[in-house]
Amino acid sequence: MGGSDGSAAKAAARMREAVRALLAVLEPEQVRELRAGPARLDAPEWREWKYVPGPRPGLPTEELDGDQRAAVDAVLAAAHSEHGGRLAAGAIEVERHRRELVGRPGPDRYWLRLLGDPEAGGAWGWRMNGHHLAVHVLITPAGLRVTPHFIGSEPAVVASGPRAGRLLGPEEDMARDLVADLDTAARRTAVFAAEPPDDILTRADPFADPDLLPAGLPYGDMTPAQRGRLEGLVRRYLARAPEAYARECWAETVAQGLEGLSFAWAGGLAPGERHYYCVRAPDFLIEYDNTQDDGNHAHSVWRHVRHDWGLDLLRAHYESGHA
C-alpha cells in the first residue's frame, strides 16, 4: 500500500478497526441500513452525492444512541489527519449551531454507508454525507482515497459561544493573502469577476472537470513568495487526508510540475465581502466560496480527476481479476 513507511496501511487498518467497532454496537436492522447499496463499488449510485440538507440512503445518525454515535465519530476521525478530523467534526458542530439559531435544535442528521466488506481483504470503503459534510473513502490493498471531500460552514463566522470563530478561516485568509500580494497586472489575470458565483462551480457533479473553472493566474507567473503562498494553500487542503495519502498527492503534484497549478479569485478582497476562489491542477481542483447569506456561508471542496471515488484503485483491482 502507498507510503514507504507503511503509514497508509496503518491508516487503512485504523479505519477497519473503527468500522469493526461500529458494527459491534449496531442492531441488525441498523447494519442493514449501513450496508444498503449496490454490490459493485464502481456502481453509478456511489457517485451520487450532495451537501445540502435532506435525507440520504444509509444509516441515519439521528437515531443512534450515545455509544453508537461515538463509534460513528471514531470512523469519521479515522479517515482524516488530526487537522482534517477537526474540520469534519467542526462542520457538524457549526450545523448544530445553525439549527439552534433558527430555533430547530435536535439530533444531527447525517447518513453513513458501508461499501463492500472490510474483513475480506479486498476493496471496501464508506461514505458520510449530510449538510455541509461529504466524506468518501475507498480502500484496496494498493492504497486509499478520500475524495470528493467537502466541508462547509453556515454561518462562516460563529459570533459567540463555545463554537465562536471561523471553521474555514485559514482557507479564506491564505487565499486572500495571495490575491492581495499580486501586483496590478497579475491581479487582473487572477480576478476573473467582480461578482462571485453563488456556489462552487462543480457543485455535486459525479466527475470533477477542471475545465469548468476559470484559467486564473499560472504558478509560473507568480513571484517566489506568491508561489509559496499557493503551495501552502494547496497543502492545507491535502492535509485533510491521512498523512501518507496527503504526501502521495503532493509528491504527484511536484512530479508533474508545479507550473501546472493556477489560482483564480472573484468578488471582494476585504474580509466580510462575498468572494470565491479556486485552484486548478492537472489532476485535482480546489474550490471555496463564501457568497451566500451576504458572505457568511462558506463551502470548500477538494476533488481529484483520477482518484475521486477511488475509481483508479477500483479499476486496477477489478482488472487484476478480483471481484
C-alpha atoms as a PDB file:
ATOM      1  CA  MET A   1       0.000   0.000   0.000  1.00  0.00           C
ATOM      2  CA  GLY A   2       1.158   3.539  -0.740  1.00  0.00           C
ATOM      3  CA  GLY A   3       3.640   5.101   1.677  1.00  0.00           C
ATOM      4  CA  SER A   4       7.076   3.578   2.076  1.00  0.00           C
ATOM      5  CA  ASP A   5       6.847   3.624   5.859  1.00  0.00           C
ATOM      6  CA  GLY A   6       3.599   1.665   5.844  1.00  0.00           C
ATOM      7  CA  SER A   7       1.644   4.598   7.267  1.00  0.00           C
ATOM      8  CA  ALA A   8      -1.040   4.305   4.581  1.00  0.00           C
ATOM      9  CA  ALA A   9      -1.554   0.688   5.573  1.00  0.00           C
ATOM     10  CA  LYS A  10      -1.775   1.814   9.193  1.00  0.00           C
ATOM     11  CA  ALA A  11      -4.404   4.414   8.271  1.00  0.00           C
ATOM     12  CA  ALA A  12      -6.436   1.740   6.486  1.00  0.00           C
ATOM     13  CA  ALA A  13      -6.097  -0.554   9.491  1.00  0.00           C
ATOM     14  CA  ARG A  14      -7.360   2.214  11.807  1.00  0.00           C
ATOM     15  CA  MET A  15     -10.388   2.680   9.600  1.00  0.00           C
ATOM     16  CA  ARG A  16     -11.044  -1.050   9.536  1.00  0.00           C
ATOM     17  CA  GLU A  17     -10.874  -1.213  13.329  1.00  0.00           C
ATOM     18  CA  ALA A  18     -13.197   1.785  13.651  1.00  0.00           C
ATOM     19  CA  VAL A  19     -15.771   0.210  11.324  1.00  0.00           C
ATOM     20  CA  ARG A  20     -15.478  -3.098  13.158  1.00  0.00           C
ATOM     21  CA  ALA A  21     -16.190  -1.308  16.448  1.00  0.00           C
ATOM     22  CA  LEU A  22     -19.205   0.417  14.908  1.00  0.00           C
ATOM     23  CA  LEU A  23     -20.661  -2.841  13.612  1.00  0.00           C
ATOM     24  CA  ALA A  24     -20.303  -4.334  17.094  1.00  0.00           C
ATOM     25  CA  VAL A  25     -22.643  -1.739  18.665  1.00  0.00           C
ATOM     26  CA  LEU A  26     -25.309  -1.609  15.937  1.00  0.00           C
ATOM     27  CA  GLU A  27     -28.543  -3.559  15.867  1.00  0.00           C
ATOM     28  CA  PRO A  28     -29.138  -5.931  12.904  1.00  0.00           C
ATOM     29  CA  GLU A  29     -31.566  -3.544  11.217  1.00  0.00           C
ATOM     30  CA  GLN A  30     -29.067  -0.703  11.571  1.00  0.00           C
ATOM     31  CA  VAL A  31     -26.390  -2.847   9.952  1.00  0.00           C
ATOM     32  CA  ARG A  32     -28.743  -3.464   7.026  1.00  0.00           C
ATOM     33  CA  GLU A  33     -29.231   0.299   6.650  1.00  0.00           C
ATOM     34  CA  LEU A  34     -25.482   0.836   6.851  1.00  0.00           C
ATOM     35  CA  ARG A  35     -24.827  -1.719   4.102  1.00  0.00           C
ATOM     36  CA  ALA A  36     -27.618  -0.537   1.778  1.00  0.00           C
ATOM     37  CA  GLY A  37     -26.440  -0.082  -1.796  1.00  0.00           C
ATOM     38  CA  PRO A  38     -25.134  -1.871  -4.886  1.00  0.00           C
ATOM     39  CA  ALA A  39     -22.507  -4.591  -4.565  1.00  0.00           C
ATOM     40  CA  ARG A  40     -20.166  -3.143  -7.192  1.00  0.00           C
ATOM     41  CA  LEU A  41     -18.116  -0.350  -5.695  1.00  0.00           C
ATOM     42  CA  ASP A  42     -17.893   1.382  -9.072  1.00  0.00           C
ATOM     43  CA  ALA A  43     -21.691   1.474  -9.480  1.00  0.00           C
ATOM     44  CA  PRO A  44     -23.005   4.911 -10.583  1.00  0.00           C
ATOM     45  CA  GLU A  45     -25.123   5.164  -7.412  1.00  0.00           C
ATOM     46  CA  TRP A  46     -21.991   5.565  -5.297  1.00  0.00           C
ATOM     47  CA  ARG A  47     -21.163   8.719  -7.244  1.00  0.00           C
ATOM     48  CA  GLU A  48     -24.430  10.410  -6.294  1.00  0.00           C
ATOM     49  CA  TRP A  49     -23.856  12.909  -3.506  1.00  0.00           C
ATOM     50  CA  LYS A  50     -24.952  16.306  -2.231  1.00  0.00           C
ATOM     51  CA  TYR A  51     -24.020  18.765   0.508  1.00  0.00           C
ATOM     52  CA  VAL A  52     -27.380  20.462   1.056  1.00  0.00           C
ATOM     53  CA  PRO A  53     -29.872  19.488   3.797  1.00  0.00           C
ATOM     54  CA  GLY A  54     -32.091  16.473   3.206  1.00  0.00           C
ATOM     55  CA  PRO A  55     -32.199  12.720   3.641  1.00  0.00           C
ATOM     56  CA  ARG A  56     -29.784  10.280   2.031  1.00  0.00           C
ATOM     57  CA  PRO A  57     -29.684   6.489   1.843  1.00  0.00           C
ATOM     58  CA  GLY A  58     -27.843   4.739   4.654  1.00  0.00           C
ATOM     59  CA  LEU A  59     -27.718   4.666   8.428  1.00  0.00           C
ATOM     60  CA  PRO A  60     -29.097   7.920   9.908  1.00  0.00           C
ATOM     61  CA  THR A  61     -27.103   9.278  12.837  1.00  0.00           C
ATOM     62  CA  GLU A  62     -30.133  10.991  14.365  1.00  0.00           C
ATOM     63  CA  GLU A  63     -31.427   7.624  15.601  1.00  0.00           C
ATOM     64  CA  LEU A  64     -28.205   6.471  17.276  1.00  0.00           C
ATOM     65  CA  ASP A  65     -27.585   6.168  20.999  1.00  0.00           C
ATOM     66  CA  GLY A  66     -24.507   7.575  22.703  1.00  0.00           C
ATOM     67  CA  ASP A  67     -22.209   4.587  22.195  1.00  0.00           C
ATOM     68  CA  GLN A  68     -23.268   4.208  18.581  1.00  0.00           C
ATOM     69  CA  ARG A  69     -22.715   7.883  17.824  1.00  0.00           C
ATOM     70  CA  ALA A  70     -19.298   7.752  19.477  1.00  0.00           C
ATOM     71  CA  ALA A  71     -18.434   4.838  17.193  1.00  0.00           C
ATOM     72  CA  VAL A  72     -19.525   6.850  14.128  1.00  0.00           C
ATOM     73  CA  ASP A  73     -17.388   9.771  15.298  1.00  0.00           C
ATOM     74  CA  ALA A  74     -14.416   7.408  15.555  1.00  0.00           C
ATOM     75  CA  VAL A  75     -14.965   6.197  11.979  1.00  0.00           C
ATOM     76  CA  LEU A  76     -15.034   9.801  10.769  1.00  0.00           C
ATOM     77  CA  ALA A  77     -11.873  10.689  12.679  1.00  0.00           C
ATOM     78  CA  ALA A  78     -10.009   7.642  11.350  1.00  0.00           C
ATOM     79  CA  ALA A  79     -10.404   8.851   7.759  1.00  0.00           C
ATOM     80  CA  HIS A  80      -8.593  12.121   8.450  1.00  0.00           C
ATOM     81  CA  SER A  81      -5.449  13.662   9.775  1.00  0.00           C
ATOM     82  CA  GLU A  82      -5.833  15.391  13.115  1.00  0.00           C
ATOM     83  CA  HIS A  83      -6.406  18.673  11.270  1.00  0.00           C
ATOM     84  CA  GLY A  84      -8.902  17.116   8.878  1.00  0.00           C
ATOM     85  CA  GLY A  85     -10.736  15.429  11.712  1.00  0.00           C
ATOM     86  CA  ARG A  86     -11.198  18.775  13.437  1.00  0.00           C
ATOM     87  CA  LEU A  87     -12.683  20.225  10.263  1.00  0.00           C
ATOM     88  CA  ALA A  88     -15.101  17.328   9.754  1.00  0.00           C
ATOM     89  CA  ALA A  89     -16.225  17.397  13.373  1.00  0.00           C
ATOM     90  CA  GLY A  90     -16.370  21.189  13.215  1.00  0.00           C
ATOM     91  CA  ALA A  91     -18.770  21.106  10.272  1.00  0.00           C
ATOM     92  CA  ILE A  92     -21.143  19.064  12.423  1.00  0.00           C
ATOM     93  CA  GLU A  93     -20.706  21.426  15.369  1.00  0.00           C
ATOM     94  CA  VAL A  94     -21.435  24.503  13.247  1.00  0.00           C
ATOM     95  CA  GLU A  95     -24.513  22.790  11.811  1.00  0.00           C
ATOM     96  CA  ARG A  96     -25.773  22.277  15.379  1.00  0.00           C
ATOM     97  CA  HIS A  97     -25.205  25.994  15.990  1.00  0.00           C
ATOM     98  CA  ARG A  98     -27.131  26.873  12.812  1.00  0.00           C
ATOM     99  CA  ARG A  99     -30.113  24.810  13.904  1.00  0.00           C
ATOM    100  CA  GLU A 100     -30.087  26.493  17.302  1.00  0.00           C
ATOM    101  CA  LEU A 101     -30.008  29.932  15.637  1.00  0.00           C
ATOM    102  CA  VAL A 102     -33.133  29.168  13.605  1.00  0.00           C
ATOM    103  CA  GLY A 103     -34.918  27.573  16.549  1.00  0.00           C
ATOM    104  CA  ARG A 104     -34.708  23.968  15.343  1.00  0.00           C
ATOM    105  CA  PRO A 105     -32.322  22.179  17.716  1.00  0.00           C
ATOM    106  CA  GLY A 106     -32.282  18.417  17.564  1.00  0.00           C
ATOM    107  CA  PRO A 107     -30.182  15.392  16.705  1.00  0.00           C
ATOM    108  CA  ASP A 108     -27.550  15.504  13.979  1.00  0.00           C
ATOM    109  CA  ARG A 109     -28.784  14.404  10.550  1.00  0.00           C
ATOM    110  CA  TYR A 110     -26.018  12.629   8.673  1.00  0.00           C
ATOM    111  CA  TRP A 111     -26.019   9.309   6.864  1.00  0.00           C
ATOM    112  CA  LEU A 112     -23.295   6.679   6.842  1.00  0.00           C
ATOM    113  CA  ARG A 113     -22.971   3.903   4.250  1.00  0.00           C
ATOM    114  CA  LEU A 114     -20.567   0.966   4.179  1.00  0.00           C
ATOM    115  CA  LEU A 115     -19.294  -0.191   0.791  1.00  0.00           C
ATOM    116  CA  GLY A 116     -18.028  -3.748   0.489  1.00  0.00           C
ATOM    117  CA  ASP A 117     -16.586  -5.908   3.243  1.00  0.00           C
ATOM    118  CA  PRO A 118     -13.679  -4.529   5.294  1.00  0.00           C
ATOM    119  CA  GLU A 119     -12.871  -8.051   6.519  1.00  0.00           C
ATOM    120  CA  ALA A 120     -12.483  -9.668   3.083  1.00  0.00           C
ATOM    121  CA  GLY A 121      -9.072  -8.211   2.264  1.00  0.00           C
ATOM    122  CA  GLY A 122     -10.257  -6.617  -0.989  1.00  0.00           C
ATOM    123  CA  ALA A 123     -11.805  -3.300  -1.948  1.00  0.00           C
ATOM    124  CA  TRP A 124     -14.111  -1.604   0.529  1.00  0.00           C
ATOM    125  CA  GLY A 125     -14.987   1.838   1.791  1.00  0.00           C
ATOM    126  CA  TRP A 126     -17.588   4.087   3.338  1.00  0.00           C
ATOM    127  CA  ARG A 127     -19.131   7.487   2.954  1.00  0.00           C
ATOM    128  CA  MET A 128     -20.714  10.004   5.322  1.00  0.00           C
ATOM    129  CA  ASN A 129     -22.960  12.723   3.914  1.00  0.00           C
ATOM    130  CA  GLY A 130     -25.168  15.444   5.324  1.00  0.00           C
ATOM    131  CA  HIS A 131     -25.492  19.223   5.316  1.00  0.00           C
ATOM    132  CA  HIS A 132     -22.030  20.687   4.708  1.00  0.00           C
ATOM    133  CA  LEU A 133     -20.201  17.394   5.164  1.00  0.00           C
ATOM    134  CA  ALA A 134     -19.351  14.874   2.446  1.00  0.00           C
ATOM    135  CA  VAL A 135     -16.567  12.359   3.052  1.00  0.00           C
ATOM    136  CA  HIS A 136     -15.940   9.457   0.666  1.00  0.00           C
ATOM    137  CA  VAL A 137     -13.388   6.746   1.465  1.00  0.00           C
ATOM    138  CA  LEU A 138     -12.236   3.849  -0.718  1.00  0.00           C
ATOM    139  CA  ILE A 139      -9.556   1.341   0.305  1.00  0.00           C
ATOM    140  CA  THR A 140      -7.883  -1.503  -1.595  1.00  0.00           C
ATOM    141  CA  PRO A 141      -4.641  -3.356  -0.824  1.00  0.00           C
ATOM    142  CA  ALA A 142      -2.951  -0.872  -3.182  1.00  0.00           C
ATOM    143  CA  GLY A 143      -3.943   2.343  -1.406  1.00  0.00           C
ATOM    144  CA  LEU A 144      -6.691   4.602  -0.129  1.00  0.00           C
ATOM    145  CA  ARG A 145      -8.658   7.554  -1.496  1.00  0.00           C
ATOM    146  CA  VAL A 146     -10.709  10.230   0.309  1.00  0.00           C
ATOM    147  CA  THR A 147     -12.246  12.452  -2.368  1.00  0.00           C
ATOM    148  CA  PRO A 148     -14.632  14.096  -3.105  1.00  0.00           C
ATOM    149  CA  HIS A 149     -14.093  15.846   0.219  1.00  0.00           C
ATOM    150  CA  PHE A 150     -16.463  18.692   1.119  1.00  0.00           C
ATOM    151  CA  ILE A 151     -16.564  20.847   4.261  1.00  0.00           C
ATOM    152  CA  GLY A 152     -18.961  23.761   4.703  1.00  0.00           C
ATOM    153  CA  SER A 153     -19.793  26.222   7.444  1.00  0.00           C
ATOM    154  CA  GLU A 154     -23.075  28.084   7.946  1.00  0.00           C
ATOM    155  CA  PRO A 155     -22.508  30.589   9.396  1.00  0.00           C
ATOM    156  CA  ALA A 156     -18.934  31.075   8.251  1.00  0.00           C
ATOM    157  CA  VAL A 157     -18.376  33.196  11.364  1.00  0.00           C
ATOM    158  CA  VAL A 158     -19.818  31.958  14.655  1.00  0.00           C
ATOM    159  CA  ALA A 159     -20.041  35.171  16.629  1.00  0.00           C
ATOM    160  CA  SER A 160     -20.205  33.882  20.199  1.00  0.00           C
ATOM    161  CA  GLY A 161     -20.473  30.883  22.448  1.00  0.00           C
ATOM    162  CA  PRO A 162     -18.365  27.726  22.687  1.00  0.00           C
ATOM    163  CA  ARG A 163     -18.198  27.422  18.876  1.00  0.00           C
ATOM    164  CA  ALA A 164     -17.108  31.045  18.293  1.00  0.00           C
ATOM    165  CA  GLY A 165     -14.691  31.513  15.416  1.00  0.00           C
ATOM    166  CA  ARG A 166     -14.310  30.635  11.733  1.00  0.00           C
ATOM    167  CA  LEU A 167     -14.118  26.957  10.877  1.00  0.00           C
ATOM    168  CA  LEU A 168     -12.632  27.667   7.445  1.00  0.00           C
ATOM    169  CA  GLY A 169     -10.804  30.832   8.442  1.00  0.00           C
ATOM    170  CA  PRO A 170      -7.317  29.701   7.344  1.00  0.00           C
ATOM    171  CA  GLU A 171      -8.661  28.533   3.976  1.00  0.00           C
ATOM    172  CA  GLU A 172     -10.104  32.014   3.444  1.00  0.00           C
ATOM    173  CA  ASP A 173      -7.180  34.015   4.801  1.00  0.00           C
ATOM    174  CA  MET A 174      -4.437  32.133   2.941  1.00  0.00           C
ATOM    175  CA  ALA A 175      -6.161  32.717  -0.396  1.00  0.00           C
ATOM    176  CA  ARG A 176      -6.885  36.381   0.368  1.00  0.00           C
ATOM    177  CA  ASP A 177      -3.249  36.939   1.357  1.00  0.00           C
ATOM    178  CA  LEU A 178      -2.213  35.515  -2.006  1.00  0.00           C
ATOM    179  CA  VAL A 179      -4.501  37.689  -4.137  1.00  0.00           C
ATOM    180  CA  ALA A 180      -3.680  40.761  -2.043  1.00  0.00           C
ATOM    181  CA  ASP A 181       0.026  40.226  -2.750  1.00  0.00           C
ATOM    182  CA  LEU A 182      -0.423  40.321  -6.520  1.00  0.00           C
ATOM    183  CA  ASP A 183       0.542  43.420  -8.485  1.00  0.00           C
ATOM    184  CA  THR A 184      -1.981  45.120 -10.746  1.00  0.00           C
ATOM    185  CA  ALA A 185      -1.203  43.077 -13.861  1.00  0.00           C
ATOM    186  CA  ALA A 186      -1.173  39.727 -12.079  1.00  0.00           C
ATOM    187  CA  ARG A 187      -4.354  40.544 -10.201  1.00  0.00           C
ATOM    188  CA  ARG A 188      -6.063  41.407 -13.465  1.00  0.00           C
ATOM    189  CA  THR A 189      -5.348  37.843 -14.612  1.00  0.00           C
ATOM    190  CA  ALA A 190      -6.238  36.149 -11.335  1.00  0.00           C
ATOM    191  CA  VAL A 191      -9.506  38.009 -10.607  1.00  0.00           C
ATOM    192  CA  PHE A 192     -11.973  36.777 -13.222  1.00  0.00           C
ATOM    193  CA  ALA A 193     -15.134  38.541 -11.986  1.00  0.00           C
ATOM    194  CA  ALA A 194     -16.194  41.335  -9.669  1.00  0.00           C
ATOM    195  CA  GLU A 195     -19.294  39.328  -8.737  1.00  0.00           C
ATOM    196  CA  PRO A 196     -18.533  35.843  -7.379  1.00  0.00           C
ATOM    197  CA  PRO A 197     -20.561  32.748  -8.307  1.00  0.00           C
ATOM    198  CA  ASP A 198     -23.289  31.755  -5.882  1.00  0.00           C
ATOM    199  CA  ASP A 199     -21.709  28.362  -5.162  1.00  0.00           C
ATOM    200  CA  ILE A 200     -18.785  26.164  -6.097  1.00  0.00           C
ATOM    201  CA  LEU A 201     -18.803  25.695  -9.858  1.00  0.00           C
ATOM    202  CA  THR A 202     -18.501  21.903  -9.845  1.00  0.00           C
ATOM    203  CA  ARG A 203     -21.483  21.596  -7.465  1.00  0.00           C
ATOM    204  CA  ALA A 204     -22.137  17.894  -6.740  1.00  0.00           C
ATOM    205  CA  ASP A 205     -21.001  16.668 -10.145  1.00  0.00           C
ATOM    206  CA  PRO A 206     -20.221  12.939 -10.190  1.00  0.00           C
ATOM    207  CA  PHE A 207     -16.962  13.629 -12.032  1.00  0.00           C
ATOM    208  CA  ALA A 208     -14.739  16.657 -11.458  1.00  0.00           C
ATOM    209  CA  ASP A 209     -13.935  18.731 -14.530  1.00  0.00           C
ATOM    210  CA  PRO A 210     -11.197  21.337 -14.013  1.00  0.00           C
ATOM    211  CA  ASP A 211     -12.235  22.996 -17.278  1.00  0.00           C
ATOM    212  CA  LEU A 212     -15.363  24.268 -15.510  1.00  0.00           C
ATOM    213  CA  LEU A 213     -13.079  26.587 -13.558  1.00  0.00           C
ATOM    214  CA  PRO A 214     -11.521  29.831 -14.792  1.00  0.00           C
ATOM    215  CA  ALA A 215      -7.947  29.614 -16.041  1.00  0.00           C
ATOM    216  CA  GLY A 216      -6.629  32.021 -13.417  1.00  0.00           C
ATOM    217  CA  LEU A 217      -3.048  33.092 -12.810  1.00  0.00           C
ATOM    218  CA  PRO A 218      -0.449  30.404 -13.562  1.00  0.00           C
ATOM    219  CA  TYR A 219       2.058  29.410 -10.906  1.00  0.00           C
ATOM    220  CA  GLY A 220       4.876  30.315 -13.277  1.00  0.00           C
ATOM    221  CA  ASP A 221       3.707  33.936 -13.434  1.00  0.00           C
ATOM    222  CA  MET A 222       3.907  34.386  -9.659  1.00  0.00           C
ATOM    223  CA  THR A 223       6.774  35.659  -7.556  1.00  0.00           C
ATOM    224  CA  PRO A 224       8.607  33.149  -5.344  1.00  0.00           C
ATOM    225  CA  ALA A 225       6.682  34.413  -2.290  1.00  0.00           C
ATOM    226  CA  GLN A 226       3.355  34.085  -4.092  1.00  0.00           C
ATOM    227  CA  ARG A 227       4.241  30.584  -5.244  1.00  0.00           C
ATOM    228  CA  GLY A 228       4.935  29.691  -1.641  1.00  0.00           C
ATOM    229  CA  ARG A 229       1.512  31.009  -0.634  1.00  0.00           C
ATOM    230  CA  LEU A 230      -0.181  28.930  -3.329  1.00  0.00           C
ATOM    231  CA  GLU A 231       1.738  25.821  -2.329  1.00  0.00           C
ATOM    232  CA  GLY A 232       0.723  26.375   1.285  1.00  0.00           C
ATOM    233  CA  LEU A 233      -2.928  26.723   0.316  1.00  0.00           C
ATOM    234  CA  VAL A 234      -2.879  23.501  -1.696  1.00  0.00           C
ATOM    235  CA  ARG A 235      -1.169  21.598   1.083  1.00  0.00           C
ATOM    236  CA  ARG A 236      -3.731  22.920   3.565  1.00  0.00           C
ATOM    237  CA  TYR A 237      -6.430  21.064   1.608  1.00  0.00           C
ATOM    238  CA  LEU A 238      -4.391  17.925   1.035  1.00  0.00           C
ATOM    239  CA  ALA A 239      -3.625  17.819   4.766  1.00  0.00           C
ATOM    240  CA  ARG A 240      -7.235  16.942   5.475  1.00  0.00           C
ATOM    241  CA  ALA A 241      -6.366  13.378   4.457  1.00  0.00           C
ATOM    242  CA  PRO A 242      -4.324  10.800   6.376  1.00  0.00           C
ATOM    243  CA  GLU A 243      -0.683  11.859   6.230  1.00  0.00           C
ATOM    244  CA  ALA A 244       0.532   9.157   3.836  1.00  0.00           C
ATOM    245  CA  TYR A 245      -2.102   9.947   1.220  1.00  0.00           C
ATOM    246  CA  ALA A 246      -1.533  13.700   1.583  1.00  0.00           C
ATOM    247  CA  ARG A 247       2.187  13.098   0.935  1.00  0.00           C
ATOM    248  CA  GLU A 248       1.348  10.941  -2.080  1.00  0.00           C
ATOM    249  CA  CYS A 249      -0.855  13.641  -3.606  1.00  0.00           C
ATOM    250  CA  TRP A 250       1.708  16.375  -3.027  1.00  0.00           C
ATOM    251  CA  ALA A 251       4.545  14.237  -4.425  1.00  0.00           C
ATOM    252  CA  GLU A 252       2.495  13.612  -7.583  1.00  0.00           C
ATOM    253  CA  THR A 253       1.831  17.343  -7.921  1.00  0.00           C
ATOM    254  CA  VAL A 254       5.536  18.154  -7.623  1.00  0.00           C
ATOM    255  CA  ALA A 255       6.500  15.369 -10.046  1.00  0.00           C
ATOM    256  CA  GLN A 256       4.066  16.663 -12.657  1.00  0.00           C
ATOM    257  CA  GLY A 257       5.425  20.188 -12.239  1.00  0.00           C
ATOM    258  CA  LEU A 258       4.076  22.916 -10.003  1.00  0.00           C
ATOM    259  CA  GLU A 259       3.799  25.023 -13.154  1.00  0.00           C
ATOM    260  CA  GLY A 260       0.540  23.136 -13.717  1.00  0.00           C
ATOM    261  CA  LEU A 261      -1.075  24.988 -10.819  1.00  0.00           C
ATOM    262  CA  SER A 262      -3.157  28.131 -11.253  1.00  0.00           C
ATOM    263  CA  PHE A 263      -5.208  30.347  -8.933  1.00  0.00           C
ATOM    264  CA  ALA A 264      -8.329  32.403  -9.605  1.00  0.00           C
ATOM    265  CA  TRP A 265     -10.449  34.730  -7.462  1.00  0.00           C
ATOM    266  CA  ALA A 266     -13.794  36.510  -7.792  1.00  0.00           C
ATOM    267  CA  GLY A 267     -15.562  39.042  -5.602  1.00  0.00           C
ATOM    268  CA  GLY A 268     -14.388  41.449  -2.931  1.00  0.00           C
ATOM    269  CA  LEU A 269     -10.975  41.461  -1.310  1.00  0.00           C
ATOM    270  CA  ALA A 270     -11.929  42.803   2.111  1.00  0.00           C
ATOM    271  CA  PRO A 271     -12.892  40.401   4.913  1.00  0.00           C
ATOM    272  CA  GLY A 272     -16.655  40.036   5.069  1.00  0.00           C
ATOM    273  CA  GLU A 273     -17.189  40.668   1.358  1.00  0.00           C
ATOM    274  CA  ARG A 274     -18.627  37.915  -0.818  1.00  0.00           C
ATOM    275  CA  HIS A 275     -15.863  36.024  -2.585  1.00  0.00           C
ATOM    276  CA  TYR A 276     -14.804  32.831  -4.343  1.00  0.00           C
ATOM    277  CA  TYR A 277     -11.526  31.217  -5.335  1.00  0.00           C
ATOM    278  CA  CYS A 278     -10.290  28.066  -6.981  1.00  0.00           C
ATOM    279  CA  VAL A 279      -7.048  26.215  -7.638  1.00  0.00           C
ATOM    280  CA  ARG A 280      -6.596  24.172 -10.786  1.00  0.00           C
ATOM    281  CA  ALA A 281      -4.048  21.416 -11.276  1.00  0.00           C
ATOM    282  CA  PRO A 282      -3.741  18.734 -13.966  1.00  0.00           C
ATOM    283  CA  ASP A 283      -5.181  16.072 -11.656  1.00  0.00           C
ATOM    284  CA  PHE A 284      -7.187  17.896  -8.985  1.00  0.00           C
ATOM    285  CA  LEU A 285      -9.109  21.025  -8.172  1.00  0.00           C
ATOM    286  CA  ILE A 286      -9.955  23.033  -5.086  1.00  0.00           C
ATOM    287  CA  GLU A 287     -12.915  25.392  -4.750  1.00  0.00           C
ATOM    288  CA  TYR A 288     -14.016  27.723  -1.979  1.00  0.00           C
ATOM    289  CA  ASP A 289     -16.907  30.153  -1.878  1.00  0.00           C
ATOM    290  CA  ASN A 290     -18.307  32.425   0.797  1.00  0.00           C
ATOM    291  CA  THR A 291     -21.124  34.105  -1.085  1.00  0.00           C
ATOM    292  CA  GLN A 292     -24.477  33.096   0.378  1.00  0.00           C
ATOM    293  CA  ASP A 293     -26.053  34.888   3.357  1.00  0.00           C
ATOM    294  CA  ASP A 294     -24.164  38.080   2.487  1.00  0.00           C
ATOM    295  CA  GLY A 295     -20.799  36.364   2.701  1.00  0.00           C
ATOM    296  CA  ASN A 296     -21.390  34.369   5.881  1.00  0.00           C
ATOM    297  CA  HIS A 297     -21.854  30.875   4.463  1.00  0.00           C
ATOM    298  CA  ALA A 298     -18.757  29.037   3.251  1.00  0.00           C
ATOM    299  CA  HIS A 299     -18.203  25.953   1.095  1.00  0.00           C
ATOM    300  CA  SER A 300     -14.926  24.186   0.366  1.00  0.00           C
ATOM    301  CA  VAL A 301     -14.222  21.123  -1.747  1.00  0.00           C
ATOM    302  CA  TRP A 302     -11.229  19.066  -2.874  1.00  0.00           C
ATOM    303  CA  ARG A 303     -11.779  16.917  -5.983  1.00  0.00           C
ATOM    304  CA  HIS A 304      -9.383  14.635  -7.858  1.00  0.00           C
ATOM    305  CA  VAL A 305      -9.799  13.797 -11.533  1.00  0.00           C
ATOM    306  CA  ARG A 306      -8.430  10.249 -11.219  1.00  0.00           C
ATOM    307  CA  HIS A 307      -8.854   9.488  -7.525  1.00  0.00           C
ATOM    308  CA  ASP A 308     -12.459  10.569  -6.851  1.00  0.00           C
ATOM    309  CA  TRP A 309     -14.492   7.611  -5.552  1.00  0.00           C
ATOM    310  CA  GLY A 310     -11.295   5.543  -5.660  1.00  0.00           C
ATOM    311  CA  LEU A 311     -12.014   4.736  -9.302  1.00  0.00           C
ATOM    312  CA  ASP A 312      -8.342   4.414 -10.218  1.00  0.00           C
ATOM    313  CA  LEU A 313      -7.796   1.865  -7.443  1.00  0.00           C
ATOM    314  CA  LEU A 314     -11.026   0.035  -8.264  1.00  0.00           C
ATOM    315  CA  ARG A 315     -10.123  -0.173 -11.945  1.00  0.00           C
ATOM    316  CA  ALA A 316      -6.776  -1.734 -11.120  1.00  0.00           C
ATOM    317  CA  HIS A 317      -8.406  -4.009  -8.562  1.00  0.00           C
ATOM    318  CA  TYR A 318     -11.016  -5.336 -10.995  1.00  0.00           C
ATOM    319  CA  GLU A 319      -8.528  -5.650 -13.858  1.00  0.00           C
ATOM    320  CA  SER A 320      -6.358  -7.830 -11.642  1.00  0.00           C
ATOM    321  CA  GLY A 321      -9.198 -10.342 -11.531  1.00  0.00           C
ATOM    322  CA  HIS A 322     -10.687  -9.509  -8.113  1.00  0.00           C
ATOM    323  CA  ALA A 323     -14.453  -9.490  -7.826  1.00  0.00           C
END
